[in-house]
Amino acid sequence: MHKRRIVVGVSGATGFIYAVKALELLRELEIETHLVVSDAAERTRAHETDLSAEAFGAMADVVYPIEDIGAAIASGSFQNLGMLIAPCSMRTLAVVASGATDNLLTRAADVALKERRRVVLMARETPLHLGHLRNMVAATEIGAIVYPPVPALYQLPQSIDAMVTHSVARALDLFGLDVKALPRWAGSPQQETTETKTAENRGLQ
């Protein structure tokens, strides 16, 4: 594979901004992006962002219609690093877990899994009922990684964009990509122990 590629799927859960951020970060990394967006995700885009479908599509290198089941990304011979679904609805999660693909987005995910490529599902739903949890287990058992975009508050984010960037960067980390915008945890500052303080006090006597 001469150029590194990732398939990006966008399904109808809330959190369209995760897809936007993923395409931004992947472009900075010079990763070729192949995008497929579900019909429900198009509705979410219109509700949650000011982006037109054309403007969003222009952020990717290649865009495929959701019904184009014969597209390049539907074949295992199409070389890529894997697939990120951001956000991933519970419906899409269920289809991926079952293997009963019904459009290009879920077919591309199924292909990536059968080829033993990385598939990361940024699942968005809460609270979760038992069916959701069982589907997460099933998806994990067949090789996918369920990665809900939970804010890393220990990083003390100063904006929504900072929280979104951290979540997406951590998802891309799972593909072995080094996102420069991702702060790395260097450990907590060493806390003074009671023994240390006692020793210091004795030294002062």
N, C-alpha and C. Protein backbone atom coordinates (compact mmCIF):
# COMPACT_ATOMS: atom_id res chain seq x y z
N MET A 1 0.86 -1.18 0.00
CA MET A 1 0.00 0.00 0.00
C MET A 1 0.89 1.23 0.00
N HIS A 2 0.83 2.03 -1.06
CA HIS A 2 1.71 3.17 -1.21
C HIS A 2 1.26 4.35 -0.35
N LYS A 3 -0.05 4.56 -0.25
CA LYS A 3 -0.55 5.67 0.54
C LYS A 3 -1.43 5.12 1.65
N ARG A 4 -1.28 5.67 2.84
CA ARG A 4 -2.10 5.21 3.97
C ARG A 4 -3.51 5.75 3.82
N ARG A 5 -4.49 4.85 4.00
CA ARG A 5 -5.89 5.21 3.85
C ARG A 5 -6.68 4.74 5.05
N ILE A 6 -7.75 5.48 5.34
CA ILE A 6 -8.71 5.06 6.36
C ILE A 6 -10.11 5.30 5.81
N VAL A 7 -11.00 4.35 6.07
CA VAL A 7 -12.41 4.51 5.74
C VAL A 7 -13.09 5.16 6.94
N VAL A 8 -13.84 6.22 6.69
CA VAL A 8 -14.58 6.91 7.74
C VAL A 8 -16.07 6.76 7.47
N GLY A 9 -16.77 6.15 8.41
CA GLY A 9 -18.22 6.02 8.30
C GLY A 9 -18.89 6.95 9.30
N VAL A 10 -19.99 7.55 8.89
CA VAL A 10 -20.73 8.45 9.77
C VAL A 10 -22.17 7.96 9.83
N SER A 11 -22.63 7.55 11.00
CA SER A 11 -24.01 7.07 11.14
C SER A 11 -24.83 8.09 11.92
N GLY A 12 -26.09 7.77 12.19
CA GLY A 12 -27.05 8.78 12.60
C GLY A 12 -27.12 9.16 14.06
N ALA A 13 -26.16 8.77 14.87
CA ALA A 13 -26.16 9.17 16.28
C ALA A 13 -25.79 10.64 16.41
N THR A 14 -26.12 11.23 17.55
CA THR A 14 -25.66 12.58 17.81
C THR A 14 -24.14 12.59 17.94
N GLY A 15 -23.54 13.73 17.58
CA GLY A 15 -22.08 13.82 17.64
C GLY A 15 -21.45 13.90 16.27
N PHE A 16 -22.11 14.57 15.32
CA PHE A 16 -21.55 14.69 13.98
C PHE A 16 -20.19 15.38 14.01
N ILE A 17 -19.98 16.21 15.01
CA ILE A 17 -18.72 16.93 15.15
C ILE A 17 -17.52 15.99 15.26
N TYR A 18 -17.74 14.77 15.74
CA TYR A 18 -16.64 13.80 15.82
C TYR A 18 -16.15 13.42 14.42
N ALA A 19 -17.07 13.31 13.48
CA ALA A 19 -16.68 13.00 12.11
C ALA A 19 -15.92 14.16 11.49
N VAL A 20 -16.39 15.37 11.75
CA VAL A 20 -15.71 16.57 11.23
C VAL A 20 -14.28 16.62 11.75
N LYS A 21 -14.13 16.43 13.05
CA LYS A 21 -12.80 16.48 13.66
C LYS A 21 -11.91 15.36 13.14
N ALA A 22 -12.47 14.17 12.93
CA ALA A 22 -11.68 13.05 12.41
C ALA A 22 -11.10 13.39 11.04
N LEU A 23 -11.91 13.95 10.16
CA LEU A 23 -11.41 14.31 8.83
C LEU A 23 -10.36 15.41 8.91
N GLU A 24 -10.54 16.35 9.82
CA GLU A 24 -9.54 17.41 9.99
C GLU A 24 -8.20 16.83 10.43
N LEU A 25 -8.22 15.98 11.44
CA LEU A 25 -6.98 15.42 11.97
C LEU A 25 -6.31 14.48 10.98
N LEU A 26 -7.11 13.71 10.26
CA LEU A 26 -6.54 12.78 9.28
C LEU A 26 -5.90 13.52 8.11
N ARG A 27 -6.47 14.65 7.75
CA ARG A 27 -5.86 15.46 6.69
C ARG A 27 -4.51 16.00 7.15
N GLU A 28 -4.43 16.44 8.40
CA GLU A 28 -3.16 16.93 8.94
C GLU A 28 -2.10 15.83 8.92
N LEU A 29 -2.54 14.58 9.11
CA LEU A 29 -1.62 13.44 9.11
C LEU A 29 -1.33 12.92 7.70
N GLU A 30 -1.94 13.53 6.70
CA GLU A 30 -1.79 13.13 5.30
C GLU A 30 -2.25 11.69 5.08
N ILE A 31 -3.36 11.36 5.76
CA ILE A 31 -4.00 10.06 5.56
C ILE A 31 -5.13 10.24 4.54
N GLU A 32 -5.16 9.41 3.55
CA GLU A 32 -6.22 9.47 2.53
C GLU A 32 -7.53 8.96 3.14
N THR A 33 -8.58 9.76 3.06
CA THR A 33 -9.85 9.41 3.69
C THR A 33 -10.91 9.03 2.67
N HIS A 34 -11.61 7.93 2.97
CA HIS A 34 -12.70 7.43 2.12
C HIS A 34 -13.97 7.45 2.96
N LEU A 35 -14.89 8.30 2.59
CA LEU A 35 -16.03 8.66 3.44
C LEU A 35 -17.35 8.09 2.94
N VAL A 36 -18.13 7.57 3.88
CA VAL A 36 -19.50 7.14 3.57
C VAL A 36 -20.40 7.60 4.71
N VAL A 37 -21.51 8.24 4.36
CA VAL A 37 -22.40 8.87 5.34
C VAL A 37 -23.81 8.30 5.19
N SER A 38 -24.40 7.87 6.28
CA SER A 38 -25.75 7.31 6.23
C SER A 38 -26.79 8.42 6.04
N ASP A 39 -27.98 8.03 5.63
CA ASP A 39 -29.07 9.01 5.46
C ASP A 39 -29.41 9.67 6.78
N ALA A 40 -29.43 8.90 7.86
CA ALA A 40 -29.73 9.46 9.17
C ALA A 40 -28.65 10.44 9.60
N ALA A 41 -27.40 10.16 9.25
CA ALA A 41 -26.31 11.07 9.60
C ALA A 41 -26.44 12.39 8.86
N GLU A 42 -26.98 12.36 7.65
CA GLU A 42 -27.19 13.60 6.90
C GLU A 42 -28.18 14.49 7.65
N ARG A 43 -29.17 13.89 8.25
CA ARG A 43 -30.14 14.67 9.03
C ARG A 43 -29.46 15.25 10.27
N THR A 44 -28.59 14.46 10.90
CA THR A 44 -27.87 14.94 12.07
C THR A 44 -26.94 16.09 11.69
N ARG A 45 -26.26 15.96 10.54
CA ARG A 45 -25.39 17.04 10.08
C ARG A 45 -26.15 18.36 9.96
N ALA A 46 -27.33 18.29 9.35
CA ALA A 46 -28.12 19.50 9.15
C ALA A 46 -28.60 20.09 10.47
N HIS A 47 -28.84 19.24 11.45
CA HIS A 47 -29.34 19.71 12.75
C HIS A 47 -28.23 20.23 13.65
N GLU A 48 -27.06 19.57 13.62
CA GLU A 48 -26.01 19.88 14.60
C GLU A 48 -24.91 20.80 14.09
N THR A 49 -24.83 21.01 12.76
CA THR A 49 -23.75 21.83 12.23
C THR A 49 -24.28 22.81 11.19
N ASP A 50 -23.42 23.74 10.79
CA ASP A 50 -23.74 24.67 9.71
C ASP A 50 -23.16 24.22 8.39
N LEU A 51 -22.56 23.02 8.38
CA LEU A 51 -21.94 22.50 7.17
C LEU A 51 -22.97 21.97 6.19
N SER A 52 -22.80 22.28 4.92
CA SER A 52 -23.62 21.65 3.88
C SER A 52 -23.05 20.26 3.60
N ALA A 53 -23.82 19.42 2.94
CA ALA A 53 -23.32 18.09 2.58
C ALA A 53 -22.10 18.21 1.67
N GLU A 54 -22.12 19.20 0.78
CA GLU A 54 -21.00 19.40 -0.16
C GLU A 54 -19.74 19.83 0.58
N ALA A 55 -19.90 20.75 1.53
CA ALA A 55 -18.74 21.23 2.29
C ALA A 55 -18.14 20.12 3.13
N PHE A 56 -18.99 19.31 3.74
CA PHE A 56 -18.48 18.20 4.53
C PHE A 56 -17.79 17.19 3.64
N GLY A 57 -18.39 16.86 2.53
CA GLY A 57 -17.78 15.90 1.61
C GLY A 57 -16.43 16.35 1.09
N ALA A 58 -16.28 17.66 0.94
CA ALA A 58 -15.02 18.20 0.43
C ALA A 58 -13.87 18.00 1.41
N MET A 59 -14.19 17.66 2.66
CA MET A 59 -13.14 17.42 3.65
C MET A 59 -12.48 16.06 3.48
N ALA A 60 -13.11 15.17 2.71
CA ALA A 60 -12.57 13.83 2.47
C ALA A 60 -11.95 13.76 1.08
N ASP A 61 -11.13 12.75 0.88
CA ASP A 61 -10.52 12.55 -0.45
C ASP A 61 -11.48 11.89 -1.42
N VAL A 62 -12.26 10.93 -0.91
CA VAL A 62 -13.23 10.22 -1.75
C VAL A 62 -14.51 10.05 -0.95
N VAL A 63 -15.65 10.29 -1.60
CA VAL A 63 -16.96 10.13 -0.94
C VAL A 63 -17.79 9.13 -1.74
N TYR A 64 -18.45 8.22 -1.02
CA TYR A 64 -19.26 7.19 -1.66
C TYR A 64 -20.72 7.32 -1.24
N PRO A 65 -21.65 7.13 -2.15
CA PRO A 65 -23.07 7.08 -1.77
C PRO A 65 -23.33 5.88 -0.87
N ILE A 66 -24.21 6.03 0.09
CA ILE A 66 -24.49 4.97 1.04
C ILE A 66 -25.03 3.71 0.38
N GLU A 67 -25.70 3.85 -0.78
CA GLU A 67 -26.29 2.69 -1.45
C GLU A 67 -25.34 2.02 -2.43
N ASP A 68 -24.12 2.56 -2.62
CA ASP A 68 -23.19 2.02 -3.61
C ASP A 68 -22.46 0.81 -3.05
N ILE A 69 -23.15 -0.30 -3.02
CA ILE A 69 -22.62 -1.51 -2.41
C ILE A 69 -21.47 -2.11 -3.23
N GLY A 70 -21.28 -1.61 -4.46
CA GLY A 70 -20.19 -2.08 -5.29
C GLY A 70 -18.97 -1.18 -5.27
N ALA A 71 -18.92 -0.25 -4.33
CA ALA A 71 -17.80 0.69 -4.23
C ALA A 71 -16.51 -0.02 -3.84
N ALA A 72 -15.40 0.66 -4.04
CA ALA A 72 -14.09 0.07 -3.75
C ALA A 72 -13.98 -0.39 -2.30
N ILE A 73 -14.52 0.38 -1.36
CA ILE A 73 -14.38 0.04 0.06
C ILE A 73 -15.22 -1.17 0.47
N ALA A 74 -16.04 -1.67 -0.46
CA ALA A 74 -16.84 -2.87 -0.19
C ALA A 74 -16.04 -4.14 -0.45
N SER A 75 -14.81 -3.99 -0.93
CA SER A 75 -13.99 -5.15 -1.26
C SER A 75 -12.80 -5.27 -0.33
N GLY A 76 -12.49 -6.49 0.06
CA GLY A 76 -11.33 -6.74 0.91
C GLY A 76 -10.02 -6.46 0.21
N SER A 77 -10.03 -6.39 -1.12
CA SER A 77 -8.81 -6.11 -1.86
C SER A 77 -8.42 -4.63 -1.81
N PHE A 78 -9.33 -3.78 -1.32
CA PHE A 78 -9.03 -2.36 -1.16
C PHE A 78 -8.20 -2.17 0.10
N GLN A 79 -6.94 -1.86 -0.07
CA GLN A 79 -6.03 -1.79 1.08
C GLN A 79 -6.23 -0.51 1.87
N ASN A 80 -6.30 -0.67 3.18
CA ASN A 80 -6.46 0.47 4.07
C ASN A 80 -6.08 0.07 5.49
N LEU A 81 -6.01 1.08 6.36
CA LEU A 81 -5.64 0.82 7.75
C LEU A 81 -6.81 0.31 8.58
N GLY A 82 -8.02 0.47 8.07
CA GLY A 82 -9.20 0.07 8.81
C GLY A 82 -10.31 1.09 8.67
N MET A 83 -11.25 1.06 9.61
CA MET A 83 -12.42 1.92 9.51
C MET A 83 -12.77 2.52 10.86
N LEU A 84 -13.06 3.80 10.82
CA LEU A 84 -13.56 4.53 11.98
C LEU A 84 -15.01 4.90 11.72
N ILE A 85 -15.91 4.55 12.64
CA ILE A 85 -17.30 4.98 12.53
C ILE A 85 -17.54 5.99 13.63
N ALA A 86 -17.73 7.25 13.22
CA ALA A 86 -17.80 8.36 14.17
C ALA A 86 -18.85 9.37 13.72
N PRO A 87 -19.95 9.48 14.45
CA PRO A 87 -20.34 8.65 15.58
C PRO A 87 -20.95 7.33 15.09
N CYS A 88 -21.10 6.39 16.00
CA CYS A 88 -21.69 5.10 15.66
C CYS A 88 -23.01 4.95 16.41
N SER A 89 -24.10 4.86 15.67
CA SER A 89 -25.42 4.69 16.29
C SER A 89 -25.58 3.26 16.80
N MET A 90 -26.54 3.04 17.67
CA MET A 90 -26.81 1.70 18.17
C MET A 90 -27.31 0.78 17.06
N ARG A 91 -28.00 1.35 16.08
CA ARG A 91 -28.44 0.54 14.95
C ARG A 91 -27.23 0.05 14.16
N THR A 92 -26.31 0.95 13.86
CA THR A 92 -25.10 0.56 13.12
C THR A 92 -24.28 -0.43 13.90
N LEU A 93 -24.15 -0.21 15.20
CA LEU A 93 -23.44 -1.15 16.06
C LEU A 93 -24.06 -2.53 15.98
N ALA A 94 -25.39 -2.60 16.02
CA ALA A 94 -26.09 -3.88 15.97
C ALA A 94 -25.84 -4.60 14.66
N VAL A 95 -25.87 -3.84 13.56
CA VAL A 95 -25.65 -4.46 12.25
C VAL A 95 -24.21 -4.95 12.13
N VAL A 96 -23.26 -4.15 12.57
CA VAL A 96 -21.86 -4.58 12.53
C VAL A 96 -21.66 -5.84 13.37
N ALA A 97 -22.27 -5.87 14.55
CA ALA A 97 -22.13 -7.02 15.44
C ALA A 97 -22.71 -8.29 14.83
N SER A 98 -23.80 -8.13 14.06
CA SER A 98 -24.47 -9.30 13.49
C SER A 98 -23.86 -9.77 12.18
N GLY A 99 -23.20 -8.86 11.46
CA GLY A 99 -22.65 -9.20 10.15
C GLY A 99 -23.68 -9.17 9.04
N ALA A 100 -24.92 -8.79 9.34
CA ALA A 100 -25.99 -8.74 8.34
C ALA A 100 -26.00 -7.35 7.70
N THR A 101 -25.03 -7.09 6.84
CA THR A 101 -24.85 -5.75 6.29
C THR A 101 -26.01 -5.35 5.39
N ASP A 102 -26.34 -4.04 5.41
CA ASP A 102 -27.49 -3.58 4.63
C ASP A 102 -27.22 -2.31 3.84
N ASN A 103 -26.01 -1.78 3.91
CA ASN A 103 -25.63 -0.63 3.09
C ASN A 103 -24.11 -0.58 3.00
N LEU A 104 -23.58 0.41 2.29
CA LEU A 104 -22.14 0.45 2.10
C LEU A 104 -21.38 0.67 3.39
N LEU A 105 -21.93 1.45 4.31
CA LEU A 105 -21.24 1.73 5.57
C LEU A 105 -21.01 0.44 6.36
N THR A 106 -22.07 -0.32 6.55
CA THR A 106 -21.94 -1.55 7.34
C THR A 106 -21.19 -2.64 6.57
N ARG A 107 -21.31 -2.63 5.23
CA ARG A 107 -20.54 -3.58 4.42
C ARG A 107 -19.05 -3.29 4.55
N ALA A 108 -18.67 -2.01 4.50
CA ALA A 108 -17.26 -1.65 4.62
C ALA A 108 -16.70 -2.08 5.97
N ALA A 109 -17.49 -1.92 7.02
CA ALA A 109 -17.05 -2.34 8.35
C ALA A 109 -16.89 -3.86 8.40
N ASP A 110 -17.83 -4.59 7.81
CA ASP A 110 -17.77 -6.05 7.80
C ASP A 110 -16.55 -6.53 7.04
N VAL A 111 -16.26 -5.87 5.93
CA VAL A 111 -15.08 -6.23 5.13
C VAL A 111 -13.81 -6.01 5.93
N ALA A 112 -13.73 -4.86 6.61
CA ALA A 112 -12.54 -4.58 7.42
C ALA A 112 -12.34 -5.64 8.50
N LEU A 113 -13.44 -6.06 9.11
CA LEU A 113 -13.34 -7.08 10.16
C LEU A 113 -12.89 -8.42 9.59
N LYS A 114 -13.45 -8.81 8.45
CA LYS A 114 -13.07 -10.11 7.89
C LYS A 114 -11.62 -10.13 7.41
N GLU A 115 -11.11 -8.94 7.06
CA GLU A 115 -9.71 -8.82 6.66
C GLU A 115 -8.78 -8.60 7.84
N ARG A 116 -9.37 -8.64 9.05
CA ARG A 116 -8.62 -8.46 10.31
C ARG A 116 -7.97 -7.09 10.39
N ARG A 117 -8.71 -6.08 9.91
CA ARG A 117 -8.26 -4.71 10.05
C ARG A 117 -8.95 -4.06 11.25
N ARG A 118 -8.41 -2.95 11.69
CA ARG A 118 -8.93 -2.26 12.86
C ARG A 118 -10.26 -1.57 12.52
N VAL A 119 -11.26 -1.80 13.36
CA VAL A 119 -12.56 -1.12 13.24
C VAL A 119 -12.88 -0.50 14.59
N VAL A 120 -13.01 0.82 14.62
CA VAL A 120 -13.26 1.54 15.87
C VAL A 120 -14.64 2.18 15.79
N LEU A 121 -15.48 1.87 16.78
CA LEU A 121 -16.86 2.34 16.81
C LEU A 121 -17.02 3.37 17.92
N MET A 122 -17.18 4.63 17.54
CA MET A 122 -17.39 5.69 18.54
C MET A 122 -18.88 5.72 18.87
N ALA A 123 -19.27 4.75 19.68
CA ALA A 123 -20.69 4.53 19.99
C ALA A 123 -21.26 5.66 20.85
N ARG A 124 -22.44 6.14 20.43
CA ARG A 124 -23.08 7.26 21.11
C ARG A 124 -24.50 6.91 21.50
N GLU A 125 -24.69 6.64 22.77
CA GLU A 125 -26.04 6.41 23.32
C GLU A 125 -25.93 6.31 24.83
N THR A 126 -26.95 6.75 25.51
CA THR A 126 -27.00 6.60 26.97
C THR A 126 -28.41 6.92 27.45
N PRO A 127 -28.92 6.20 28.44
CA PRO A 127 -28.33 5.01 29.04
C PRO A 127 -28.42 3.83 28.08
N LEU A 128 -27.76 2.75 28.44
CA LEU A 128 -27.70 1.56 27.59
C LEU A 128 -28.60 0.46 28.15
N HIS A 129 -29.41 -0.15 27.28
CA HIS A 129 -30.16 -1.31 27.74
C HIS A 129 -29.39 -2.59 27.42
N LEU A 130 -29.89 -3.71 27.87
CA LEU A 130 -29.15 -4.97 27.76
C LEU A 130 -28.85 -5.33 26.31
N GLY A 131 -29.76 -4.99 25.40
CA GLY A 131 -29.51 -5.28 23.98
C GLY A 131 -28.30 -4.52 23.46
N HIS A 132 -28.17 -3.25 23.84
CA HIS A 132 -27.00 -2.46 23.44
C HIS A 132 -25.72 -3.11 23.96
N LEU A 133 -25.75 -3.50 25.24
CA LEU A 133 -24.55 -4.07 25.85
C LEU A 133 -24.18 -5.40 25.20
N ARG A 134 -25.18 -6.22 24.89
CA ARG A 134 -24.89 -7.50 24.23
C ARG A 134 -24.31 -7.28 22.84
N ASN A 135 -24.81 -6.27 22.13
CA ASN A 135 -24.26 -5.96 20.81
C ASN A 135 -22.82 -5.48 20.92
N MET A 136 -22.51 -4.73 21.97
CA MET A 136 -21.14 -4.29 22.18
C MET A 136 -20.21 -5.47 22.43
N VAL A 137 -20.69 -6.42 23.21
CA VAL A 137 -19.90 -7.63 23.46
C VAL A 137 -19.69 -8.39 22.16
N ALA A 138 -20.77 -8.55 21.38
CA ALA A 138 -20.67 -9.29 20.12
C ALA A 138 -19.71 -8.60 19.15
N ALA A 139 -19.78 -7.27 19.06
CA ALA A 139 -18.88 -6.53 18.19
C ALA A 139 -17.43 -6.70 18.62
N THR A 140 -17.21 -6.68 19.92
CA THR A 140 -15.86 -6.86 20.46
C THR A 140 -15.35 -8.27 20.17
N GLU A 141 -16.22 -9.25 20.28
CA GLU A 141 -15.81 -10.64 20.04
C GLU A 141 -15.39 -10.88 18.61
N ILE A 142 -15.94 -10.13 17.65
CA ILE A 142 -15.55 -10.34 16.25
C ILE A 142 -14.41 -9.40 15.84
N GLY A 143 -13.89 -8.61 16.77
CA GLY A 143 -12.69 -7.85 16.48
C GLY A 143 -12.80 -6.34 16.48
N ALA A 144 -14.01 -5.80 16.61
CA ALA A 144 -14.16 -4.35 16.63
C ALA A 144 -13.76 -3.80 18.00
N ILE A 145 -13.48 -2.52 18.04
CA ILE A 145 -13.20 -1.83 19.30
C ILE A 145 -14.32 -0.83 19.54
N VAL A 146 -15.04 -1.00 20.64
CA VAL A 146 -16.11 -0.08 21.00
C VAL A 146 -15.47 1.04 21.82
N TYR A 147 -15.52 2.25 21.27
CA TYR A 147 -14.85 3.37 21.91
C TYR A 147 -15.79 4.56 22.06
N PRO A 148 -16.60 4.59 23.12
CA PRO A 148 -17.47 5.75 23.36
C PRO A 148 -16.62 6.99 23.61
N PRO A 149 -16.96 8.11 23.02
CA PRO A 149 -16.16 9.33 23.21
C PRO A 149 -16.42 9.99 24.56
N VAL A 150 -15.88 9.39 25.59
CA VAL A 150 -16.06 9.90 26.95
C VAL A 150 -15.04 11.01 27.21
N PRO A 151 -15.46 12.20 27.63
CA PRO A 151 -14.52 13.30 27.84
C PRO A 151 -13.45 12.95 28.87
N ALA A 152 -12.21 13.30 28.56
CA ALA A 152 -11.09 13.07 29.48
C ALA A 152 -10.93 14.32 30.34
N LEU A 153 -11.71 14.40 31.39
CA LEU A 153 -11.72 15.62 32.21
C LEU A 153 -10.42 15.82 32.98
N TYR A 154 -9.65 14.75 33.15
CA TYR A 154 -8.37 14.89 33.84
C TYR A 154 -7.40 15.76 33.05
N GLN A 155 -7.68 15.96 31.75
CA GLN A 155 -6.84 16.83 30.94
C GLN A 155 -7.21 18.31 31.11
N LEU A 156 -8.25 18.57 31.91
CA LEU A 156 -8.72 19.94 32.15
C LEU A 156 -8.98 20.70 30.86
N PRO A 157 -9.85 20.14 30.00
CA PRO A 157 -10.14 20.80 28.71
C PRO A 157 -10.78 22.16 28.92
N GLN A 158 -10.41 23.11 28.07
CA GLN A 158 -10.89 24.48 28.19
C GLN A 158 -12.03 24.79 27.23
N SER A 159 -12.41 23.83 26.40
CA SER A 159 -13.48 24.07 25.42
C SER A 159 -14.07 22.74 24.96
N ILE A 160 -15.23 22.83 24.32
CA ILE A 160 -15.83 21.64 23.73
C ILE A 160 -14.91 21.09 22.64
N ASP A 161 -14.32 21.98 21.86
CA ASP A 161 -13.41 21.53 20.79
C ASP A 161 -12.24 20.74 21.36
N ALA A 162 -11.73 21.16 22.51
CA ALA A 162 -10.62 20.43 23.13
C ALA A 162 -11.05 19.02 23.53
N MET A 163 -12.27 18.89 24.06
CA MET A 163 -12.78 17.57 24.45
C MET A 163 -12.99 16.68 23.22
N VAL A 164 -13.56 17.26 22.17
CA VAL A 164 -13.80 16.50 20.94
C VAL A 164 -12.47 16.07 20.32
N THR A 165 -11.52 16.99 20.27
CA THR A 165 -10.21 16.68 19.69
C THR A 165 -9.54 15.55 20.44
N HIS A 166 -9.60 15.58 21.77
CA HIS A 166 -8.97 14.52 22.56
C HIS A 166 -9.62 13.18 22.29
N SER A 167 -10.95 13.14 22.25
CA SER A 167 -11.65 11.87 22.02
C SER A 167 -11.31 11.30 20.65
N VAL A 168 -11.34 12.13 19.62
CA VAL A 168 -11.07 11.65 18.27
C VAL A 168 -9.59 11.26 18.12
N ALA A 169 -8.71 12.05 18.70
CA ALA A 169 -7.29 11.72 18.62
C ALA A 169 -6.99 10.38 19.29
N ARG A 170 -7.67 10.10 20.41
CA ARG A 170 -7.48 8.80 21.07
C ARG A 170 -8.02 7.66 20.21
N ALA A 171 -9.10 7.93 19.50
CA ALA A 171 -9.63 6.91 18.58
C ALA A 171 -8.64 6.64 17.46
N LEU A 172 -8.03 7.69 16.92
CA LEU A 172 -7.04 7.51 15.85
C LEU A 172 -5.77 6.87 16.37
N ASP A 173 -5.49 7.07 17.64
CA ASP A 173 -4.36 6.40 18.30
C ASP A 173 -4.47 4.89 18.14
N LEU A 174 -5.69 4.40 18.13
CA LEU A 174 -5.92 2.95 18.04
C LEU A 174 -5.54 2.38 16.68
N PHE A 175 -5.34 3.25 15.69
CA PHE A 175 -4.86 2.83 14.37
C PHE A 175 -3.33 2.96 14.26
N GLY A 176 -2.70 3.32 15.37
CA GLY A 176 -1.25 3.49 15.36
C GLY A 176 -0.83 4.83 14.80
N LEU A 177 -1.73 5.81 14.79
CA LEU A 177 -1.43 7.13 14.26
C LEU A 177 -1.06 8.08 15.39
N ASP A 178 -0.01 8.84 15.20
CA ASP A 178 0.47 9.76 16.22
C ASP A 178 -0.09 11.15 15.95
N VAL A 179 -1.17 11.48 16.63
CA VAL A 179 -1.82 12.78 16.45
C VAL A 179 -1.11 13.79 17.34
N LYS A 180 -0.53 14.80 16.72
CA LYS A 180 0.26 15.78 17.48
C LYS A 180 -0.61 16.57 18.47
N ALA A 181 -1.91 16.70 18.17
CA ALA A 181 -2.79 17.47 19.03
C ALA A 181 -3.16 16.72 20.30
N LEU A 182 -2.75 15.47 20.41
CA LEU A 182 -3.14 14.65 21.56
C LEU A 182 -2.16 14.82 22.71
N PRO A 183 -2.61 15.40 23.82
CA PRO A 183 -1.71 15.50 24.98
C PRO A 183 -1.53 14.12 25.60
N ARG A 184 -0.31 13.81 25.96
CA ARG A 184 0.00 12.50 26.55
C ARG A 184 0.14 12.64 28.05
N TRP A 185 -0.46 11.71 28.79
CA TRP A 185 -0.41 11.74 30.24
C TRP A 185 0.99 11.36 30.70
N ALA A 186 1.60 12.21 31.50
CA ALA A 186 2.97 11.97 31.97
C ALA A 186 3.01 11.53 33.42
N GLY A 187 1.85 11.26 34.00
CA GLY A 187 1.80 10.83 35.39
C GLY A 187 1.41 11.98 36.31
N SER A 188 0.85 11.63 37.44
CA SER A 188 0.45 12.63 38.42
C SER A 188 1.67 13.19 39.13
N PRO A 189 1.61 14.45 39.56
CA PRO A 189 2.69 15.00 40.37
C PRO A 189 2.83 14.16 41.64
N GLN A 190 4.07 13.91 42.04
CA GLN A 190 4.30 13.07 43.22
C GLN A 190 3.74 13.74 44.46
N GLN A 191 2.93 12.99 45.20
CA GLN A 191 2.33 13.51 46.42
C GLN A 191 3.26 13.26 47.60
N GLU A 192 3.37 14.23 48.44
CA GLU A 192 4.18 14.03 49.64
C GLU A 192 3.48 13.05 50.58
N THR A 193 4.20 12.08 51.04
CA THR A 193 3.63 11.10 51.97
C THR A 193 3.81 11.56 53.40
N THR A 194 3.06 10.97 54.28
CA THR A 194 3.18 11.28 55.71
C THR A 194 4.59 11.00 56.19
N GLU A 195 5.19 9.87 55.68
CA GLU A 195 6.53 9.50 56.09
C GLU A 195 7.55 10.56 55.66
N THR A 196 7.36 11.09 54.41
CA THR A 196 8.29 12.10 53.91
C THR A 196 8.23 13.36 54.77
N LYS A 197 7.01 13.79 55.06
CA LYS A 197 6.84 14.99 55.87
C LYS A 197 7.44 14.80 57.27
N THR A 198 7.26 13.60 57.83
CA THR A 198 7.79 13.32 59.17
C THR A 198 9.32 13.37 59.17
N ALA A 199 9.90 12.79 58.11
CA ALA A 199 11.37 12.80 57.99
C ALA A 199 11.90 14.22 57.85
N GLU A 200 11.20 15.04 57.06
CA GLU A 200 11.64 16.42 56.88
C GLU A 200 11.54 17.19 58.19
N ASN A 201 10.47 16.95 58.93
CA ASN A 201 10.29 17.63 60.22
C ASN A 201 11.39 17.26 61.21
N ARG A 202 11.79 15.99 61.20
CA ARG A 202 12.86 15.53 62.10
C ARG A 202 14.19 16.20 61.74
N GLY A 203 14.37 16.41 60.42
CA GLY A 203 15.60 17.04 59.97
C GLY A 203 15.70 18.49 60.40
N LEU A 204 14.55 19.10 60.63
CA LEU A 204 14.56 20.50 61.05
C LEU A 204 14.77 20.65 62.56
N GLN A 205 14.65 19.54 63.31
CA GLN A 205 14.78 19.62 64.78
C GLN A 205 16.24 19.60 65.20
